[in-house]
Each structure stands twice: as structure tokens, then as C-alpha cells.
N, C-alpha and C. Protein backbone atom coordinates (compact mmCIF):
# COMPACT_ATOMS: atom_id res chain seq x y z
N UNK A 1 75.48 42.75 127.68
CA UNK A 1 75.64 43.03 126.76
C UNK A 1 75.08 44.06 125.91
N UNK A 2 75.81 44.97 125.05
CA UNK A 2 75.53 46.05 124.42
C UNK A 2 75.37 45.88 122.90
N UNK A 3 74.50 46.54 122.47
CA UNK A 3 74.31 46.49 120.88
C UNK A 3 74.60 47.79 120.33
N UNK A 4 75.50 47.64 119.24
CA UNK A 4 76.05 48.65 118.66
C UNK A 4 75.72 48.50 117.03
N UNK A 5 75.72 49.61 116.22
CA UNK A 5 75.41 49.45 114.87
C UNK A 5 76.38 50.14 114.09
N UNK A 6 76.63 50.08 112.88
CA UNK A 6 77.48 50.58 111.74
C UNK A 6 76.54 50.77 110.82
N UNK A 7 76.29 52.12 109.95
CA UNK A 7 75.89 52.23 109.23
C UNK A 7 76.50 52.80 107.73
N UNK A 8 76.37 52.32 106.61
CA UNK A 8 77.34 52.13 105.71
C UNK A 8 76.41 52.77 104.50
N UNK A 9 76.86 54.07 103.54
CA UNK A 9 76.30 54.76 102.66
C UNK A 9 76.94 53.84 101.65
N UNK A 10 76.68 53.65 100.14
CA UNK A 10 77.58 53.48 99.16
C UNK A 10 76.87 53.70 97.84
N UNK A 11 77.91 53.72 97.14
CA UNK A 11 77.25 54.26 95.56
C UNK A 11 76.79 52.99 94.36
N UNK A 12 76.14 53.57 93.59
CA UNK A 12 75.48 52.54 92.94
C UNK A 12 74.38 52.23 93.16
N UNK A 13 73.61 51.51 91.95
CA UNK A 13 71.89 51.24 92.38
C UNK A 13 71.66 50.69 93.46
N UNK A 14 70.72 50.63 93.88
CA UNK A 14 70.03 49.83 95.19
C UNK A 14 70.16 48.39 94.75
N UNK A 15 70.72 47.56 95.65
CA UNK A 15 70.54 45.54 95.20
C UNK A 15 69.14 45.59 94.70
N UNK A 16 68.80 44.73 93.76
CA UNK A 16 67.65 44.65 92.93
C UNK A 16 66.96 43.57 93.43
N UNK A 17 67.22 42.71 94.58
CA UNK A 17 65.87 42.01 95.33
C UNK A 17 67.06 41.28 96.63
N UNK A 18 66.35 40.43 97.12
CA UNK A 18 66.86 39.58 98.09
C UNK A 18 68.37 38.97 97.87
N UNK A 19 69.00 38.25 96.61
CA UNK A 19 69.84 37.59 96.36
C UNK A 19 71.19 38.72 96.01
N UNK A 20 71.07 40.07 95.56
CA UNK A 20 71.86 40.74 95.62
C UNK A 20 72.53 41.43 97.00
N UNK A 21 71.65 41.56 97.88
CA UNK A 21 71.27 42.25 99.17
C UNK A 21 72.06 40.96 100.15
N UNK A 22 71.59 39.84 100.26
CA UNK A 22 72.39 38.57 100.86
C UNK A 22 73.74 38.38 100.43
N UNK A 23 74.15 38.54 99.05
CA UNK A 23 75.75 39.07 98.64
C UNK A 23 76.44 39.97 98.96
N UNK A 24 76.03 41.15 99.16
CA UNK A 24 76.69 42.19 99.80
C UNK A 24 76.53 41.98 100.95
N UNK A 25 75.69 41.84 101.64
CA UNK A 25 75.92 41.93 103.11
C UNK A 25 76.71 40.58 103.79
N UNK A 26 76.60 39.29 102.97
CA UNK A 26 77.75 38.45 103.39
C UNK A 26 78.79 38.90 102.96
N UNK A 27 79.45 39.36 101.86
CA UNK A 27 80.44 40.19 101.82
C UNK A 27 81.19 41.48 102.76
N UNK A 28 80.15 42.18 103.07
CA UNK A 28 80.48 43.32 104.02
C UNK A 28 80.75 42.30 105.69
N UNK A 29 79.90 41.53 105.92
CA UNK A 29 79.96 41.06 107.15
C UNK A 29 81.42 40.06 107.25
N UNK A 30 81.82 39.43 106.40
CA UNK A 30 82.98 38.65 106.43
C UNK A 30 84.10 39.54 106.29
N UNK A 31 84.06 40.74 106.10
CA UNK A 31 85.35 41.38 105.84
C UNK A 31 85.35 41.92 107.39
N UNK A 32 84.05 42.73 107.80
CA UNK A 32 84.16 43.31 109.11
C UNK A 32 84.14 42.53 110.36
N UNK A 33 83.97 41.25 110.15
CA UNK A 33 84.05 40.41 111.49
C UNK A 33 85.97 39.99 111.83
N UNK A 34 86.21 40.46 110.74
CA UNK A 34 88.02 40.23 110.64
C UNK A 34 88.45 41.17 111.19
N UNK A 35 87.79 42.45 111.79
CA UNK A 35 88.31 43.73 112.53
C UNK A 35 87.86 43.49 114.23
N UNK A 36 87.14 42.50 114.47
CA UNK A 36 87.03 42.28 116.19
C UNK A 36 87.36 41.33 116.27
N UNK A 37 87.70 41.69 117.95
CA UNK A 37 87.64 40.37 118.63
C UNK A 37 87.02 39.28 119.00
N UNK A 38 87.50 38.13 119.47
CA UNK A 38 86.30 37.07 119.30
C UNK A 38 85.72 37.22 120.52
N UNK A 39 83.88 37.15 120.56
CA UNK A 39 82.89 37.56 121.22
C UNK A 39 83.40 36.96 122.68
N UNK A 40 84.42 36.05 123.03
CA UNK A 40 84.24 35.63 124.50
C UNK A 40 85.49 36.49 124.83
N UNK A 41 86.32 37.19 124.18
CA UNK A 41 87.59 37.87 124.73
C UNK A 41 87.16 39.27 125.78
N UNK A 42 86.42 39.87 125.54
CA UNK A 42 85.03 40.22 125.10
C UNK A 42 85.52 40.72 123.76
N UNK A 43 84.82 40.66 122.98
CA UNK A 43 84.69 41.30 121.31
C UNK A 43 83.31 41.57 120.98
N UNK A 44 83.45 40.95 119.80
CA UNK A 44 82.05 41.57 119.25
C UNK A 44 81.39 40.46 118.38
N UNK A 45 80.00 40.43 118.21
CA UNK A 45 79.30 39.39 117.54
C UNK A 45 78.51 40.32 116.40
N UNK A 46 78.58 39.90 115.21
CA UNK A 46 77.62 40.47 114.29
C UNK A 46 76.26 39.72 114.34
N UNK A 47 75.30 40.50 114.60
CA UNK A 47 74.00 39.79 114.42
C UNK A 47 72.99 40.01 113.66
N UNK A 48 73.09 41.04 112.89
CA UNK A 48 71.96 41.40 111.90
C UNK A 48 72.73 42.16 110.72
N UNK A 49 72.09 42.26 109.65
CA UNK A 49 72.36 43.26 108.62
C UNK A 49 71.07 43.92 108.14
N UNK A 50 70.87 45.09 107.84
CA UNK A 50 69.85 45.60 107.09
C UNK A 50 69.96 46.16 106.04
N UNK A 51 69.40 46.38 104.82
CA UNK A 51 69.34 47.29 103.97
C UNK A 51 68.46 47.95 103.39
N UNK A 52 68.93 48.86 103.19
CA UNK A 52 67.65 50.50 102.90
C UNK A 52 68.04 50.86 101.33
N UNK A 53 66.80 51.34 100.67
CA UNK A 53 66.87 52.28 99.71
C UNK A 53 67.17 53.18 99.81
N UNK A 54 67.74 53.75 99.23
CA UNK A 54 68.09 55.60 99.19
C UNK A 54 67.15 56.52 99.67
N UNK A 55 67.13 57.09 100.74
CA UNK A 55 66.14 57.94 101.38
C UNK A 55 65.14 57.33 101.96
N UNK A 56 64.77 56.06 102.40
CA UNK A 56 64.13 55.40 103.29
C UNK A 56 64.45 54.95 104.47
N UNK A 57 63.85 55.05 105.08
CA UNK A 57 64.20 54.49 106.98
C UNK A 57 63.58 53.51 107.24
N UNK A 58 62.70 52.72 106.15
CA UNK A 58 61.98 51.54 106.13
C UNK A 58 63.34 50.32 105.47
N UNK A 59 63.74 49.28 106.15
CA UNK A 59 64.44 48.62 105.32
C UNK A 59 64.01 47.81 104.37
N UNK A 60 64.25 47.48 103.40
CA UNK A 60 63.80 46.71 102.30
C UNK A 60 64.56 45.16 102.26
N UNK A 61 65.80 45.07 103.28
CA UNK A 61 66.10 43.99 103.11
C UNK A 61 66.83 43.68 104.81
N UNK A 62 66.74 42.37 105.28
CA UNK A 62 67.37 41.92 106.66
C UNK A 62 67.87 40.64 106.81
N UNK A 63 68.95 40.32 107.43
CA UNK A 63 69.27 38.90 107.24
C UNK A 63 70.17 39.12 109.14
N UNK A 64 69.58 37.64 109.72
CA UNK A 64 70.25 37.30 110.84
C UNK A 64 71.55 36.80 110.72
N UNK A 65 72.27 37.11 111.12
CA UNK A 65 73.88 36.67 111.45
C UNK A 65 74.13 36.29 113.16
N UNK A 66 74.96 35.21 113.04
CA UNK A 66 75.85 34.89 114.45
C UNK A 66 77.34 34.85 113.98
N UNK A 67 77.74 35.95 113.85
CA UNK A 67 79.42 36.16 113.45
C UNK A 67 80.32 36.74 114.49
N UNK A 68 80.88 35.96 115.24
CA UNK A 68 82.09 36.18 116.11
C UNK A 68 83.24 37.02 115.51
N UNK A 69 83.67 37.69 115.83
CA UNK A 69 84.94 38.57 115.83
C UNK A 69 86.01 37.20 115.64
N UNK A 70 86.75 37.54 114.72
CA UNK A 70 88.14 36.43 114.21
C UNK A 70 89.54 36.78 114.53
N UNK A 71 89.50 38.25 114.92
CA UNK A 71 90.83 39.03 114.80
C UNK A 71 91.51 38.08 116.36
N UNK A 72 92.94 37.73 115.98
CA UNK A 72 93.52 36.81 117.11
C UNK A 72 93.85 37.78 118.55
N UNK A 73 93.54 37.37 119.23
CA UNK A 73 93.67 38.30 120.26
C UNK A 73 95.18 38.36 121.60
N UNK A 74 95.92 37.67 120.61
CA UNK A 74 97.29 37.54 121.45
C UNK A 74 98.12 39.21 121.80
N UNK A 75 98.07 39.40 122.76
CA UNK A 75 98.86 40.36 123.10
C UNK A 75 97.82 41.59 123.45
N UNK A 76 96.68 41.39 122.93
CA UNK A 76 95.71 42.45 123.29
C UNK A 76 94.62 42.83 124.37
N UNK A 77 94.80 43.71 125.00
CA UNK A 77 93.72 43.92 126.30
C UNK A 77 92.42 44.49 125.71
N UNK A 78 91.02 43.80 125.85
CA UNK A 78 90.12 44.38 125.67
C UNK A 78 89.97 46.10 126.14
N UNK A 79 89.32 46.95 125.55
CA UNK A 79 89.33 48.24 125.85
C UNK A 79 87.88 48.22 126.96
N UNK A 80 87.79 49.85 127.75
CA UNK A 80 86.69 49.52 128.70
C UNK A 80 85.61 49.56 127.72
N UNK A 81 84.15 49.67 128.35
CA UNK A 81 82.74 49.71 127.66
C UNK A 81 82.60 50.68 126.66
N UNK A 82 82.61 51.64 126.66
CA UNK A 82 82.40 52.82 125.31
C UNK A 82 83.41 52.91 124.66
N UNK A 83 84.71 52.87 124.63
CA UNK A 83 85.68 52.59 123.97
C UNK A 83 85.26 52.28 122.33
N UNK A 84 86.19 53.06 121.50
CA UNK A 84 85.84 52.92 120.09
C UNK A 84 86.86 52.84 119.51
N UNK A 85 87.43 52.36 118.49
CA UNK A 85 88.04 52.46 117.28
C UNK A 85 87.35 53.61 116.46
N UNK A 86 88.45 54.46 115.94
CA UNK A 86 87.69 55.54 114.53
C UNK A 86 88.68 55.30 113.24
N UNK A 87 87.94 54.99 112.30
CA UNK A 87 88.18 55.14 110.77
C UNK A 87 87.32 56.60 110.00
N UNK A 88 88.36 57.54 109.94
CA UNK A 88 88.10 58.78 108.85
C UNK A 88 88.55 58.54 107.68
N UNK A 89 87.23 58.38 106.64
CA UNK A 89 87.52 58.40 105.27
C UNK A 89 87.45 59.70 104.48
N UNK A 90 88.41 60.09 103.88
CA UNK A 90 88.61 61.16 103.33
C UNK A 90 87.58 61.39 101.78
N UNK A 91 87.20 62.28 101.29
CA UNK A 91 86.60 62.43 100.05
C UNK A 91 87.21 63.44 99.28
N UNK A 92 87.13 63.64 98.02
CA UNK A 92 87.52 65.01 97.37
C UNK A 92 86.25 66.28 97.26
N UNK A 93 84.90 65.77 97.99
CA UNK A 93 84.26 67.22 98.08
C UNK A 93 84.71 67.80 99.23
N UNK A 94 84.10 69.16 99.12
CA UNK A 94 84.55 69.94 99.93
C UNK A 94 82.99 70.94 100.38
N UNK A 95 82.84 71.15 101.77
CA UNK A 95 81.63 71.90 102.46
C UNK A 95 81.39 73.61 101.47
N UNK A 96 80.25 73.60 101.73
CA UNK A 96 79.87 75.19 101.21
C UNK A 96 81.04 76.30 101.89
N UNK A 97 81.71 75.72 103.03
CA UNK A 97 83.03 76.76 103.48
C UNK A 97 84.42 76.29 102.99
N UNK A 98 84.18 75.51 102.14
CA UNK A 98 85.46 74.99 101.31
C UNK A 98 86.32 74.03 102.47
N UNK A 99 85.61 73.35 103.55
CA UNK A 99 86.19 72.73 104.08
C UNK A 99 86.23 71.11 103.64
N UNK A 100 87.21 70.30 104.10
CA UNK A 100 87.05 68.33 103.25
C UNK A 100 85.93 67.97 104.05
N UNK A 101 85.40 67.40 103.59
CA UNK A 101 84.20 66.11 103.96
C UNK A 101 84.89 64.94 104.12
N UNK A 102 84.61 64.51 105.28
CA UNK A 102 85.00 63.64 105.81
C UNK A 102 83.93 62.55 106.24
N UNK A 103 84.11 61.35 106.64
CA UNK A 103 83.41 60.10 106.61
C UNK A 103 83.88 59.44 108.04
N UNK A 104 82.83 58.97 108.81
CA UNK A 104 83.28 58.49 109.69
C UNK A 104 83.00 57.08 110.34
N UNK A 105 83.71 56.10 110.88
CA UNK A 105 82.82 54.96 111.41
C UNK A 105 83.80 54.72 112.42
N UNK A 106 82.93 54.56 113.69
CA UNK A 106 83.20 53.96 114.96
C UNK A 106 82.93 52.50 115.24
N UNK A 107 83.91 51.76 115.88
CA UNK A 107 83.97 50.64 115.80
C UNK A 107 83.90 50.24 117.22
N UNK A 108 83.19 49.67 118.14
CA UNK A 108 83.19 49.09 119.70
C UNK A 108 84.35 48.01 119.98
N UNK A 109 84.37 47.79 120.94
CA UNK A 109 85.26 46.53 121.46
C UNK A 109 86.73 46.75 120.80
N UNK A 110 87.08 47.37 121.15
CA UNK A 110 88.56 47.45 120.56
C UNK A 110 89.64 47.14 120.93
N UNK A 111 90.52 46.64 120.75
CA UNK A 111 91.85 46.22 121.69
C UNK A 111 93.24 47.24 121.99
N UNK A 112 93.33 46.87 123.02
CA UNK A 112 94.55 48.31 123.63
C UNK A 112 95.86 47.00 123.70
N UNK A 113 96.99 48.21 123.91
CA UNK A 113 98.08 47.70 123.89
C UNK A 113 98.38 47.34 125.81
N UNK A 114 97.37 47.58 126.46
CA UNK A 114 97.48 47.41 127.93
C UNK A 114 97.80 46.03 128.23
N UNK A 115 98.45 45.90 129.18
CA UNK A 115 99.15 46.78 130.39
C UNK A 115 100.45 47.44 129.81
N UNK A 116 100.52 47.58 128.81
CA UNK A 116 102.09 48.33 128.38
C UNK A 116 102.10 49.96 128.76
N UNK A 117 102.80 50.38 128.06
CA UNK A 117 103.01 51.90 128.81
C UNK A 117 101.92 52.77 128.04
N UNK A 118 101.46 52.10 126.76
CA UNK A 118 100.39 52.93 126.22
C UNK A 118 99.18 52.30 125.80
N UNK A 119 98.38 52.18 127.09
CA UNK A 119 96.94 51.69 127.25
C UNK A 119 96.04 52.16 126.27
N UNK A 120 96.30 53.29 126.06
CA UNK A 120 95.25 54.14 125.47
C UNK A 120 95.55 53.59 123.65
N UNK A 121 96.57 53.28 123.27
CA UNK A 121 96.76 53.02 121.91
C UNK A 121 95.83 51.60 121.16
N UNK A 122 95.11 51.79 120.23
CA UNK A 122 95.12 50.43 119.62
C UNK A 122 96.22 49.67 119.26
N UNK A 123 95.72 48.76 119.19
CA UNK A 123 96.98 47.29 119.48
C UNK A 123 97.11 47.19 117.73
N UNK A 124 98.66 47.67 117.56
CA UNK A 124 98.87 47.20 116.12
C UNK A 124 98.30 46.44 115.15
N UNK A 125 98.17 45.18 115.74
CA UNK A 125 97.58 44.20 115.07
C UNK A 125 96.02 44.49 114.40
N UNK A 126 95.36 45.38 115.56
CA UNK A 126 93.95 45.72 114.71
C UNK A 126 93.96 46.94 114.09
N UNK A 127 95.21 47.76 114.04
CA UNK A 127 95.12 48.66 113.18
C UNK A 127 95.44 48.17 111.53
N UNK A 128 96.04 47.24 111.61
CA UNK A 128 95.94 46.22 110.56
C UNK A 128 94.70 45.82 109.76
N UNK A 129 94.07 45.07 111.01
CA UNK A 129 92.94 44.71 110.40
C UNK A 129 91.68 46.06 109.55
N UNK A 130 91.50 47.12 110.74
CA UNK A 130 90.95 48.17 110.34
C UNK A 130 91.42 48.83 108.74
N UNK A 131 92.64 48.91 108.94
CA UNK A 131 93.30 49.57 107.39
C UNK A 131 92.88 48.45 106.11
N UNK A 132 92.82 47.10 106.56
CA UNK A 132 92.50 46.56 105.67
C UNK A 132 90.97 46.28 105.10
N UNK A 133 90.14 46.29 106.22
CA UNK A 133 88.85 46.59 105.94
C UNK A 133 88.26 48.11 105.43
N UNK A 134 89.08 49.19 105.65
CA UNK A 134 88.72 50.21 105.04
C UNK A 134 88.88 50.40 103.86
N UNK A 135 90.24 49.59 103.21
CA UNK A 135 90.92 49.21 102.03
C UNK A 135 89.78 48.93 101.17
N UNK A 136 89.09 47.78 101.65
CA UNK A 136 88.31 47.01 101.01
C UNK A 136 86.94 47.63 100.84
N UNK A 137 86.29 48.90 101.82
CA UNK A 137 85.55 49.66 101.31
C UNK A 137 85.68 50.58 100.15
N UNK A 138 87.03 50.92 100.15
CA UNK A 138 87.37 51.60 98.75
C UNK A 138 87.37 50.99 97.57
N UNK A 139 87.76 49.85 97.69
CA UNK A 139 87.90 48.74 96.58
C UNK A 139 86.62 48.64 96.01
N UNK A 140 85.85 48.36 97.14
CA UNK A 140 84.36 48.05 96.82
C UNK A 140 84.08 46.60 97.16
N UNK A 141 82.36 46.35 97.79
CA UNK A 141 81.94 45.00 97.63
C UNK A 141 80.51 44.94 96.80
N UNK A 142 80.79 43.66 96.27
CA UNK A 142 80.00 43.29 95.01
C UNK A 142 78.86 42.66 95.82
N UNK A 143 77.43 43.04 95.02
CA UNK A 143 76.84 42.55 95.19
C UNK A 143 76.30 41.34 94.24
N UNK A 144 77.24 41.05 93.47
CA UNK A 144 76.91 39.70 92.38
C UNK A 144 76.67 40.70 90.76
N UNK A 145 76.24 41.76 91.14
CA UNK A 145 76.11 42.48 89.62
C UNK A 145 76.78 43.82 89.56
N UNK A 146 76.56 44.42 91.18
CA UNK A 146 77.30 45.84 90.94
C UNK A 146 78.50 45.83 92.15
N UNK A 147 79.31 46.69 91.77
CA UNK A 147 80.49 46.85 93.10
C UNK A 147 79.90 48.10 93.87
N UNK A 148 79.79 47.88 95.36
CA UNK A 148 79.39 49.05 95.88
C UNK A 148 80.77 49.93 96.77
N UNK A 149 81.01 51.10 96.67
CA UNK A 149 82.03 51.49 97.49
C UNK A 149 81.79 52.96 98.65
N UNK A 150 82.09 52.93 99.39
CA UNK A 150 81.91 53.71 100.71
C UNK A 150 81.99 54.95 100.14
N UNK A 151 80.56 55.39 100.59
CA UNK A 151 80.35 57.34 100.14
C UNK A 151 79.47 57.93 101.31
N UNK A 152 79.29 58.98 101.61
CA UNK A 152 78.37 59.54 102.37
C UNK A 152 76.86 59.78 101.79
N UNK A 153 76.16 60.38 102.91
CA UNK A 153 74.69 60.37 102.45
C UNK A 153 74.66 61.13 101.02
N UNK A 154 75.66 62.24 101.01
CA UNK A 154 75.23 62.79 99.77
C UNK A 154 76.17 62.44 98.40
N UNK A 155 76.49 61.05 98.53
CA UNK A 155 77.35 60.56 97.57
C UNK A 155 78.64 60.81 97.31
N UNK A 156 79.22 61.51 98.31
CA UNK A 156 80.73 62.03 98.57
C UNK A 156 81.50 60.66 98.62
N UNK A 157 82.21 60.53 97.51
CA UNK A 157 82.78 59.06 97.70
C UNK A 157 83.99 58.86 98.19
N UNK A 158 84.40 57.97 99.20
CA UNK A 158 85.67 57.93 99.89
C UNK A 158 86.94 57.76 98.95
N UNK A 159 87.75 58.28 99.17
CA UNK A 159 88.93 58.10 98.39
C UNK A 159 90.42 57.48 98.90
N UNK A 160 90.24 57.62 100.40
CA UNK A 160 91.36 57.28 101.34
C UNK A 160 90.91 57.35 102.65
N UNK A 161 91.81 56.49 103.37
CA UNK A 161 91.26 56.44 104.84
C UNK A 161 92.19 56.81 105.79
N UNK A 162 91.71 56.88 107.12
CA UNK A 162 92.95 57.04 108.02
C UNK A 162 92.49 56.26 109.58
N UNK A 163 92.94 55.20 110.20
CA UNK A 163 92.92 54.73 111.32
C UNK A 163 93.32 55.30 112.54
N UNK A 164 92.74 56.19 113.52
CA UNK A 164 93.12 56.78 114.46
C UNK A 164 93.90 55.63 115.45
N UNK A 165 95.24 56.44 115.44
CA UNK A 165 96.11 55.19 116.42
C UNK A 165 95.15 55.12 118.03
N UNK A 166 94.93 56.13 118.49
CA UNK A 166 94.33 56.05 119.88
C UNK A 166 92.94 55.44 119.71
N UNK A 167 92.46 55.04 120.71
CA UNK A 167 91.07 54.39 121.35
C UNK A 167 90.48 56.20 121.74
N UNK A 168 89.37 55.93 121.33
CA UNK A 168 88.34 56.99 121.30
C UNK A 168 87.10 56.86 122.04
N UNK A 169 86.25 57.50 122.00
CA UNK A 169 84.76 56.95 122.32
C UNK A 169 83.91 57.39 121.64
N UNK A 170 82.69 57.38 121.69
CA UNK A 170 81.42 57.85 121.06
C UNK A 170 80.31 57.87 121.90
N UNK A 171 80.14 59.34 122.15
CA UNK A 171 78.90 59.49 123.50
C UNK A 171 77.69 58.28 122.83
N UNK A 172 77.20 57.60 124.01
CA UNK A 172 76.24 56.87 123.60
C UNK A 172 75.32 57.41 124.48
N UNK A 173 73.85 57.20 124.48
CA UNK A 173 72.69 57.09 125.54
C UNK A 173 73.14 56.24 127.07
N UNK A 174 72.88 56.58 128.41
CA UNK A 174 73.04 55.39 128.99
C UNK A 174 71.87 54.93 128.87
N UNK A 175 71.83 53.34 129.29
CA UNK A 175 70.73 52.50 129.12
C UNK A 175 70.94 51.24 129.77
């Protein structure tokens, strides 16, 4: 079994204690598990969430989970090892060279349309699930006091999203 992680930057104040962090982590993981095939398919299992204060690499919050993916596996074939689905978030920000700034998240264990004639395509049901999840980040997740929206490490707020229809990969270290 391979362990993958996702990192999310969000706007607003850092949750003020264990209860707000738990509320936020529970909301995010409840939404995220809906994009994954069940662990036995093989799919994914969410095992932990960590929270960091802005600018720190030392976690101020952690919680252990055992949440299996809940996406229906009907008609999907699990993609190979390092395959991933990609959601690209747009922002209204521009680089110093006037290029648009995008935010990216890769999600491993995607389902494909195999054995159809398009085995490199992400299954349409999973695309719908990814779109729902991305829209939830745009709308924001609550910590019980504040609603947090997806943004980049420099505060570039996500304004839209695109789920890539082709399965891709993310270069990972061998191990």
C-alpha cells in the first residue's frame, strides 16, 4: 500500500483550537472520501489530517481517520499505480510576467473507463464527484466559526476549477 497526501491552503484566520480544527478536518474528509473508490476496489482510505499555522511546517493539529472512499465502483476500472486525476483551480491573480496563476491538486487511485476504447479517460461518474468536491472548496468549508476557501500559499483565492478528463500521473520518488 502506498501513502499519498494532499495539501490545501485556505483563506481566513487559522482555526483557533482543537474543536474548530476538528470541525474543519471532518468537513473536508467527509467531502473528499466521496471522490475515491472504496479501499477494497482498490481505492483509497483517508488515514489522517494535519493542520498547520500559516508559515509553519510544524503541525498544530492532527487527527487519525479510517475513512474508505465511498464512490460507487460500478463500471470503473482502477487505474495503474502512480496514476492520478488532476483538478486545476483558476485564480484572478497573475504572475510578474502576467501569466495566470493556477492551483493544482492530484488525487491518486482514479477510476478509468477501461476496458472501453478510452482507458485513459477518467470515468464520468468520478469526474462528477471531483467537480462536486472542487465546487465545495470554492464555496468553502466551515470550522464552526469561519468558512475557509481554497487558495494558494500566497493567498490567491480559487475562483473556478477544471477537472482534467484524462488520467495523468505525478512523478513520485521510487520506494
